[in-house]
PDB file of N, CA and C in Angstrom:
ATOM      1  N   MET A   1     -50.266  40.227  18.801  1.00  0.00           N
ATOM      2  CA  MET A   1     -51.455  41.033  18.952  1.00  0.00           C
ATOM      3  C   MET A   1     -52.374  40.364  19.972  1.00  0.00           C
ATOM      4  N   LYS A   2     -52.852  41.136  20.922  1.00  0.00           N
ATOM      5  CA  LYS A   2     -53.765  40.644  21.935  1.00  0.00           C
ATOM      6  C   LYS A   2     -55.170  40.584  21.348  1.00  0.00           C
ATOM      7  N   THR A   3     -55.880  39.475  21.581  1.00  0.00           N
ATOM      8  CA  THR A   3     -57.236  39.342  21.047  1.00  0.00           C
ATOM      9  C   THR A   3     -58.199  38.917  22.135  1.00  0.00           C
ATOM     10  N   CYS A   4     -59.452  39.146  21.865  1.00  0.00           N
ATOM     11  CA  CYS A   4     -60.552  38.727  22.725  1.00  0.00           C
ATOM     12  C   CYS A   4     -61.385  37.770  21.885  1.00  0.00           C
ATOM     13  N   THR A   5     -61.862  36.718  22.471  1.00  0.00           N
ATOM     14  CA  THR A   5     -62.701  35.796  21.724  1.00  0.00           C
ATOM     15  C   THR A   5     -64.141  36.013  22.148  1.00  0.00           C
ATOM     16  N   ILE A   6     -64.941  36.521  21.235  1.00  0.00           N
ATOM     17  CA  ILE A   6     -66.363  36.711  21.508  1.00  0.00           C
ATOM     18  C   ILE A   6     -67.099  35.578  20.818  1.00  0.00           C
ATOM     19  N   LEU A   7     -67.559  34.649  21.621  1.00  0.00           N
ATOM     20  CA  LEU A   7     -68.281  33.500  21.112  1.00  0.00           C
ATOM     21  C   LEU A   7     -67.507  32.829  19.978  1.00  0.00           C
ATOM     22  N   ASN A   8     -66.239  32.532  20.251  1.00  0.00           N
ATOM     23  CA  ASN A   8     -65.338  31.827  19.336  1.00  0.00           C
ATOM     24  C   ASN A   8     -64.897  32.633  18.120  1.00  0.00           C
ATOM     25  N   THR A   9     -65.004  33.942  18.153  1.00  0.00           N
ATOM     26  CA  THR A   9     -64.525  34.795  17.072  1.00  0.00           C
ATOM     27  C   THR A   9     -63.578  35.829  17.666  1.00  0.00           C
ATOM     28  N   ALA A  10     -62.377  35.922  17.117  1.00  0.00           N
ATOM     29  CA  ALA A  10     -61.358  36.819  17.685  1.00  0.00           C
ATOM     30  C   ALA A  10     -61.625  38.273  17.323  1.00  0.00           C
ATOM     31  N   ILE A  11     -61.448  39.149  18.320  1.00  0.00           N
ATOM     32  CA  ILE A  11     -61.520  40.600  18.135  1.00  0.00           C
ATOM     33  C   ILE A  11     -60.262  41.161  18.768  1.00  0.00           C
ATOM     34  N   ASP A  12     -59.544  42.026  18.053  1.00  0.00           N
ATOM     35  CA  ASP A  12     -58.327  42.582  18.642  1.00  0.00           C
ATOM     36  C   ASP A  12     -58.678  43.524  19.796  1.00  0.00           C
ATOM     37  N   ALA A  13     -57.714  43.709  20.682  1.00  0.00           N
ATOM     38  CA  ALA A  13     -57.927  44.492  21.898  1.00  0.00           C
ATOM     39  C   ALA A  13     -58.323  45.933  21.606  1.00  0.00           C
ATOM     40  N   GLY A  14     -57.772  46.524  20.550  1.00  0.00           N
ATOM     41  CA  GLY A  14     -58.129  47.897  20.190  1.00  0.00           C
ATOM     42  C   GLY A  14     -59.583  48.019  19.788  1.00  0.00           C
ATOM     43  N   THR A  15     -60.061  47.067  19.012  1.00  0.00           N
ATOM     44  CA  THR A  15     -61.470  47.065  18.594  1.00  0.00           C
ATOM     45  C   THR A  15     -62.375  46.858  19.795  1.00  0.00           C
ATOM     46  N   LEU A  16     -61.989  45.953  20.674  1.00  0.00           N
ATOM     47  CA  LEU A  16     -62.759  45.711  21.894  1.00  0.00           C
ATOM     48  C   LEU A  16     -62.876  46.996  22.701  1.00  0.00           C
ATOM     49  N   TYR A  17     -61.759  47.701  22.875  1.00  0.00           N
ATOM     50  CA  TYR A  17     -61.740  48.966  23.609  1.00  0.00           C
ATOM     51  C   TYR A  17     -62.670  49.985  22.942  1.00  0.00           C
ATOM     52  N   ASP A  18     -62.603  50.070  21.619  1.00  0.00           N
ATOM     53  CA  ASP A  18     -63.466  51.002  20.883  1.00  0.00           C
ATOM     54  C   ASP A  18     -64.934  50.663  21.071  1.00  0.00           C
ATOM     55  N   ILE A  19     -65.266  49.386  20.989  1.00  0.00           N
ATOM     56  CA  ILE A  19     -66.663  48.970  21.158  1.00  0.00           C
ATOM     57  C   ILE A  19     -67.153  49.307  22.556  1.00  0.00           C
ATOM     58  N   MET A  20     -66.346  49.027  23.567  1.00  0.00           N
ATOM     59  CA  MET A  20     -66.757  49.320  24.945  1.00  0.00           C
ATOM     60  C   MET A  20     -66.958  50.822  25.138  1.00  0.00           C
ATOM     61  N   ASN A  21     -66.114  51.650  24.535  1.00  0.00           N
ATOM     62  CA  ASN A  21     -66.289  53.105  24.621  1.00  0.00           C
ATOM     63  C   ASN A  21     -67.567  53.548  23.913  1.00  0.00           C
ATOM     64  N   LEU A  22     -67.853  52.962  22.765  1.00  0.00           N
ATOM     65  CA  LEU A  22     -69.077  53.307  22.048  1.00  0.00           C
ATOM     66  C   LEU A  22     -70.321  52.881  22.824  1.00  0.00           C
ATOM     67  N   ILE A  23     -70.254  51.743  23.498  1.00  0.00           N
ATOM     68  CA  ILE A  23     -71.380  51.305  24.333  1.00  0.00           C
ATOM     69  C   ILE A  23     -71.640  52.339  25.425  1.00  0.00           C
ATOM     70  N   GLU A  24     -70.582  52.793  26.077  1.00  0.00           N
ATOM     71  CA  GLU A  24     -70.723  53.807  27.130  1.00  0.00           C
ATOM     72  C   GLU A  24     -71.292  55.109  26.559  1.00  0.00           C
ATOM     73  N   MET A  25     -70.791  55.521  25.404  1.00  0.00           N
ATOM     74  CA  MET A  25     -71.277  56.739  24.759  1.00  0.00           C
ATOM     75  C   MET A  25     -72.766  56.607  24.409  1.00  0.00           C
ATOM     76  N   CYS A  26     -73.135  55.450  23.916  1.00  0.00           N
ATOM     77  CA  CYS A  26     -74.531  55.221  23.531  1.00  0.00           C
ATOM     78  C   CYS A  26     -75.446  55.273  24.754  1.00  0.00           C
ATOM     79  N   ARG A  27     -75.003  54.696  25.849  1.00  0.00           N
ATOM     80  CA  ARG A  27     -75.814  54.710  27.076  1.00  0.00           C
ATOM     81  C   ARG A  27     -76.038  56.120  27.600  1.00  0.00           C
ATOM     82  N   LYS A  28     -75.054  56.979  27.421  1.00  0.00           N
ATOM     83  CA  LYS A  28     -75.164  58.356  27.918  1.00  0.00           C
ATOM     84  C   LYS A  28     -76.000  59.242  27.001  1.00  0.00           C
ATOM     85  N   GLU A  29     -76.127  58.850  25.760  1.00  0.00           N
ATOM     86  CA  GLU A  29     -76.887  59.644  24.784  1.00  0.00           C
ATOM     87  C   GLU A  29     -78.385  59.528  25.081  1.00  0.00           C
ATOM     88  N   ARG A  30     -79.094  60.644  25.047  1.00  0.00           N
ATOM     89  CA  ARG A  30     -80.532  60.645  25.338  1.00  0.00           C
ATOM     90  C   ARG A  30     -81.385  60.650  24.068  1.00  0.00           C
ATOM     91  N   ASN A  31     -80.800  61.035  22.964  1.00  0.00           N
ATOM     92  CA  ASN A  31     -81.521  61.085  21.696  1.00  0.00           C
ATOM     93  C   ASN A  31     -81.512  59.692  21.064  1.00  0.00           C
ATOM     94  N   VAL A  32     -82.691  59.107  20.874  1.00  0.00           N
ATOM     95  CA  VAL A  32     -82.807  57.743  20.364  1.00  0.00           C
ATOM     96  C   VAL A  32     -82.232  57.620  18.945  1.00  0.00           C
ATOM     97  N   ASP A  33     -82.403  58.637  18.119  1.00  0.00           N
ATOM     98  CA  ASP A  33     -81.834  58.579  16.769  1.00  0.00           C
ATOM     99  C   ASP A  33     -80.311  58.497  16.822  1.00  0.00           C
ATOM    100  N   ARG A  34     -79.708  59.249  17.719  1.00  0.00           N
ATOM    101  CA  ARG A  34     -78.249  59.195  17.869  1.00  0.00           C
ATOM    102  C   ARG A  34     -77.815  57.859  18.468  1.00  0.00           C
ATOM    103  N   GLN A  35     -78.618  57.341  19.420  1.00  0.00           N
ATOM    104  CA  GLN A  35     -78.321  56.029  19.991  1.00  0.00           C
ATOM    105  C   GLN A  35     -78.321  54.967  18.895  1.00  0.00           C
ATOM    106  N   LEU A  36     -79.295  55.044  18.007  1.00  0.00           N
ATOM    107  CA  LEU A  36     -79.384  54.079  16.919  1.00  0.00           C
ATOM    108  C   LEU A  36     -78.154  54.163  16.012  1.00  0.00           C
ATOM    109  N   LYS A  37     -77.714  55.369  15.701  1.00  0.00           N
ATOM    110  CA  LYS A  37     -76.525  55.538  14.861  1.00  0.00           C
ATOM    111  C   LYS A  37     -75.291  54.921  15.524  1.00  0.00           C
ATOM    112  N   ILE A  38     -75.154  55.128  16.828  1.00  0.00           N
ATOM    113  CA  ILE A  38     -74.016  54.550  17.556  1.00  0.00           C
ATOM    114  C   ILE A  38     -74.127  53.030  17.570  1.00  0.00           C
ATOM    115  N   LEU A  39     -75.337  52.522  17.814  1.00  0.00           N
ATOM    116  CA  LEU A  39     -75.550  51.074  17.813  1.00  0.00           C
ATOM    117  C   LEU A  39     -75.203  50.476  16.448  1.00  0.00           C
ATOM    118  N   MET A  40     -75.522  51.166  15.384  1.00  0.00           N
ATOM    119  CA  MET A  40     -75.199  50.686  14.043  1.00  0.00           C
ATOM    120  C   MET A  40     -73.674  50.635  13.839  1.00  0.00           C
ATOM    121  N   VAL A  41     -72.948  51.613  14.381  1.00  0.00           N
ATOM    122  CA  VAL A  41     -71.485  51.604  14.296  1.00  0.00           C
ATOM    123  C   VAL A  41     -70.937  50.409  15.080  1.00  0.00           C
ATOM    124  N   ILE A  42     -71.466  50.206  16.284  1.00  0.00           N
ATOM    125  CA  ILE A  42     -71.041  49.061  17.096  1.00  0.00           C
ATOM    126  C   ILE A  42     -71.286  47.769  16.331  1.00  0.00           C
ATOM    127  N   ASN A  43     -72.467  47.639  15.786  1.00  0.00           N
ATOM    128  CA  ASN A  43     -72.838  46.426  15.055  1.00  0.00           C
ATOM    129  C   ASN A  43     -71.899  46.193  13.871  1.00  0.00           C
ATOM    130  N   ALA A  44     -71.509  47.259  13.195  1.00  0.00           N
ATOM    131  CA  ALA A  44     -70.599  47.138  12.051  1.00  0.00           C
ATOM    132  C   ALA A  44     -69.216  46.653  12.490  1.00  0.00           C
ATOM    133  N   MET A  45     -68.845  46.901  13.737  1.00  0.00           N
ATOM    134  CA  MET A  45     -67.532  46.498  14.242  1.00  0.00           C
ATOM    135  C   MET A  45     -67.508  45.045  14.722  1.00  0.00           C
ATOM    136  N   LEU A  46     -68.686  44.465  14.944  1.00  0.00           N
ATOM    137  CA  LEU A  46     -68.754  43.083  15.415  1.00  0.00           C
ATOM    138  C   LEU A  46     -68.414  42.123  14.277  1.00  0.00           C
ATOM    139  N   PRO A  47     -67.911  40.938  14.624  1.00  0.00           N
ATOM    140  CA  PRO A  47     -67.663  39.935  13.589  1.00  0.00           C
ATOM    141  C   PRO A  47     -68.958  39.617  12.834  1.00  0.00           C
ATOM    142  N   LYS A  48     -68.832  39.281  11.574  1.00  0.00           N
ATOM    143  CA  LYS A  48     -69.993  39.058  10.706  1.00  0.00           C
ATOM    144  C   LYS A  48     -70.999  38.075  11.319  1.00  0.00           C
ATOM    145  N   THR A  49     -70.508  37.034  11.923  1.00  0.00           N
ATOM    146  CA  THR A  49     -71.398  36.010  12.483  1.00  0.00           C
ATOM    147  C   THR A  49     -72.072  36.440  13.775  1.00  0.00           C
ATOM    148  N   LYS A  50     -71.633  37.553  14.354  1.00  0.00           N
ATOM    149  CA  LYS A  50     -72.180  38.008  15.642  1.00  0.00           C
ATOM    150  C   LYS A  50     -72.969  39.308  15.540  1.00  0.00           C
ATOM    151  N   LYS A  51     -73.159  39.799  14.333  1.00  0.00           N
ATOM    152  CA  LYS A  51     -73.897  41.050  14.155  1.00  0.00           C
ATOM    153  C   LYS A  51     -75.348  40.892  14.620  1.00  0.00           C
ATOM    154  N   LEU A  52     -75.887  41.969  15.140  1.00  0.00           N
ATOM    155  CA  LEU A  52     -77.280  41.991  15.564  1.00  0.00           C
ATOM    156  C   LEU A  52     -78.196  42.051  14.345  1.00  0.00           C
ATOM    157  N   HIS A  53     -79.337  41.448  14.470  1.00  0.00           N
ATOM    158  CA  HIS A  53     -80.386  41.603  13.464  1.00  0.00           C
ATOM    159  C   HIS A  53     -81.308  42.687  14.012  1.00  0.00           C
ATOM    160  N   ILE A  54     -81.047  43.914  13.608  1.00  0.00           N
ATOM    161  CA  ILE A  54     -81.755  45.063  14.171  1.00  0.00           C
ATOM    162  C   ILE A  54     -83.094  45.226  13.469  1.00  0.00           C
ATOM    163  N   PRO A  55     -84.188  45.219  14.236  1.00  0.00           N
ATOM    164  CA  PRO A  55     -85.520  45.363  13.636  1.00  0.00           C
ATOM    165  C   PRO A  55     -85.737  46.764  13.077  1.00  0.00           C
ATOM    166  N   SER A  56     -86.727  46.899  12.230  1.00  0.00           N
ATOM    167  CA  SER A  56     -86.992  48.199  11.611  1.00  0.00           C
ATOM    168  C   SER A  56     -87.621  49.184  12.598  1.00  0.00           C
ATOM    169  N   PHE A  57     -88.354  48.681  13.588  1.00  0.00           N
ATOM    170  CA  PHE A  57     -88.952  49.551  14.600  1.00  0.00           C
ATOM    171  C   PHE A  57     -88.185  49.349  15.896  1.00  0.00           C
ATOM    172  N   LEU A  58     -87.542  50.401  16.356  1.00  0.00           N
ATOM    173  CA  LEU A  58     -86.707  50.309  17.550  1.00  0.00           C
ATOM    174  C   LEU A  58     -87.233  51.171  18.678  1.00  0.00           C
ATOM    175  N   THR A  59     -87.005  50.695  19.877  1.00  0.00           N
ATOM    176  CA  THR A  59     -87.330  51.473  21.065  1.00  0.00           C
ATOM    177  C   THR A  59     -86.061  51.669  21.873  1.00  0.00           C
ATOM    178  N   ASP A  60     -86.111  52.576  22.805  1.00  0.00           N
ATOM    179  CA  ASP A  60     -84.998  52.813  23.710  1.00  0.00           C
ATOM    180  C   ASP A  60     -84.688  51.537  24.492  1.00  0.00           C
ATOM    181  N   ASP A  61     -85.722  50.800  24.865  1.00  0.00           N
ATOM    182  CA  ASP A  61     -85.543  49.559  25.610  1.00  0.00           C
ATOM    183  C   ASP A  61     -84.769  48.528  24.784  1.00  0.00           C
ATOM    184  N   TYR A  62     -85.072  48.416  23.499  1.00  0.00           N
ATOM    185  CA  TYR A  62     -84.350  47.479  22.638  1.00  0.00           C
ATOM    186  C   TYR A  62     -82.870  47.858  22.579  1.00  0.00           C
ATOM    187  N   ILE A  63     -82.589  49.128  22.406  1.00  0.00           N
ATOM    188  CA  ILE A  63     -81.203  49.591  22.315  1.00  0.00           C
ATOM    189  C   ILE A  63     -80.455  49.258  23.599  1.00  0.00           C
ATOM    190  N   ASN A  64     -81.076  49.509  24.750  1.00  0.00           N
ATOM    191  CA  ASN A  64     -80.431  49.207  26.035  1.00  0.00           C
ATOM    192  C   ASN A  64     -80.178  47.718  26.198  1.00  0.00           C
ATOM    193  N   ARG A  65     -81.136  46.885  25.804  1.00  0.00           N
ATOM    194  CA  ARG A  65     -80.952  45.434  25.895  1.00  0.00           C
ATOM    195  C   ARG A  65     -79.845  44.964  24.959  1.00  0.00           C
ATOM    196  N   ALA A  66     -79.814  45.505  23.755  1.00  0.00           N
ATOM    197  CA  ALA A  66     -78.781  45.128  22.783  1.00  0.00           C
ATOM    198  C   ALA A  66     -77.394  45.498  23.314  1.00  0.00           C
ATOM    199  N   LEU A  67     -77.254  46.700  23.869  1.00  0.00           N
ATOM    200  CA  LEU A  67     -75.973  47.127  24.431  1.00  0.00           C
ATOM    201  C   LEU A  67     -75.549  46.206  25.564  1.00  0.00           C
ATOM    202  N   HIS A  68     -76.498  45.847  26.409  1.00  0.00           N
ATOM    203  CA  HIS A  68     -76.207  44.962  27.538  1.00  0.00           C
ATOM    204  C   HIS A  68     -75.709  43.604  27.040  1.00  0.00           C
ATOM    205  N   GLU A  69     -76.370  43.046  26.048  1.00  0.00           N
ATOM    206  CA  GLU A  69     -75.985  41.733  25.524  1.00  0.00           C
ATOM    207  C   GLU A  69     -74.611  41.766  24.872  1.00  0.00           C
ATOM    208  N   ILE A  70     -74.318  42.827  24.128  1.00  0.00           N
ATOM    209  CA  ILE A  70     -73.003  42.957  23.496  1.00  0.00           C
ATOM    210  C   ILE A  70     -71.926  43.066  24.572  1.00  0.00           C
ATOM    211  N   GLU A  71     -72.163  43.940  25.548  1.00  0.00           N
ATOM    212  CA  GLU A  71     -71.189  44.139  26.615  1.00  0.00           C
ATOM    213  C   GLU A  71     -70.964  42.856  27.409  1.00  0.00           C
ATOM    214  N   LYS A  72     -72.040  42.149  27.722  1.00  0.00           N
ATOM    215  CA  LYS A  72     -71.936  40.898  28.466  1.00  0.00           C
ATOM    216  C   LYS A  72     -71.109  39.872  27.691  1.00  0.00           C
ATOM    217  N   ALA A  73     -71.342  39.762  26.394  1.00  0.00           N
ATOM    218  CA  ALA A  73     -70.587  38.815  25.573  1.00  0.00           C
ATOM    219  C   ALA A  73     -69.110  39.197  25.519  1.00  0.00           C
ATOM    220  N   LEU A  74     -68.830  40.488  25.386  1.00  0.00           N
ATOM    221  CA  LEU A  74     -67.441  40.948  25.324  1.00  0.00           C
ATOM    222  C   LEU A  74     -66.716  40.702  26.639  1.00  0.00           C
ATOM    223  N   LYS A  75     -67.360  41.033  27.742  1.00  0.00           N
ATOM    224  CA  LYS A  75     -66.712  40.891  29.049  1.00  0.00           C
ATOM    225  C   LYS A  75     -66.512  39.429  29.432  1.00  0.00           C
ATOM    226  N   SER A  76     -67.451  38.573  29.069  1.00  0.00           N
ATOM    227  CA  SER A  76     -67.332  37.167  29.455  1.00  0.00           C
ATOM    228  C   SER A  76     -66.291  36.430  28.639  1.00  0.00           C
ATOM    229  N   SER A  77     -65.924  36.995  27.487  1.00  0.00           N
ATOM    230  CA  SER A  77     -64.983  36.282  26.630  1.00  0.00           C
ATOM    231  C   SER A  77     -63.573  36.836  26.698  1.00  0.00           C
ATOM    232  N   TYR A  78     -63.357  37.894  27.468  1.00  0.00           N
ATOM    233  CA  TYR A  78     -62.031  38.504  27.510  1.00  0.00           C
ATOM    234  C   TYR A  78     -61.225  37.991  28.652  1.00  0.00           C
TER     235      TYR A  78
END
């Protein structure tokens, strides 16, 4: 099985592909509530030690920064 190491935690290639697709889908979504739901799905797919601590009050800017950080970590470790 092919894996990606995100900050020393293995993620299989299929999960990585799914996360990257969800990041793209989230970026294209204009409704912040839907973006948050997608971000929550992404977060649930991350290894336990790498999950985001999502604040109770969210902005579009926070979601975009979170997506960028997740994508950067995934791409740098693959």
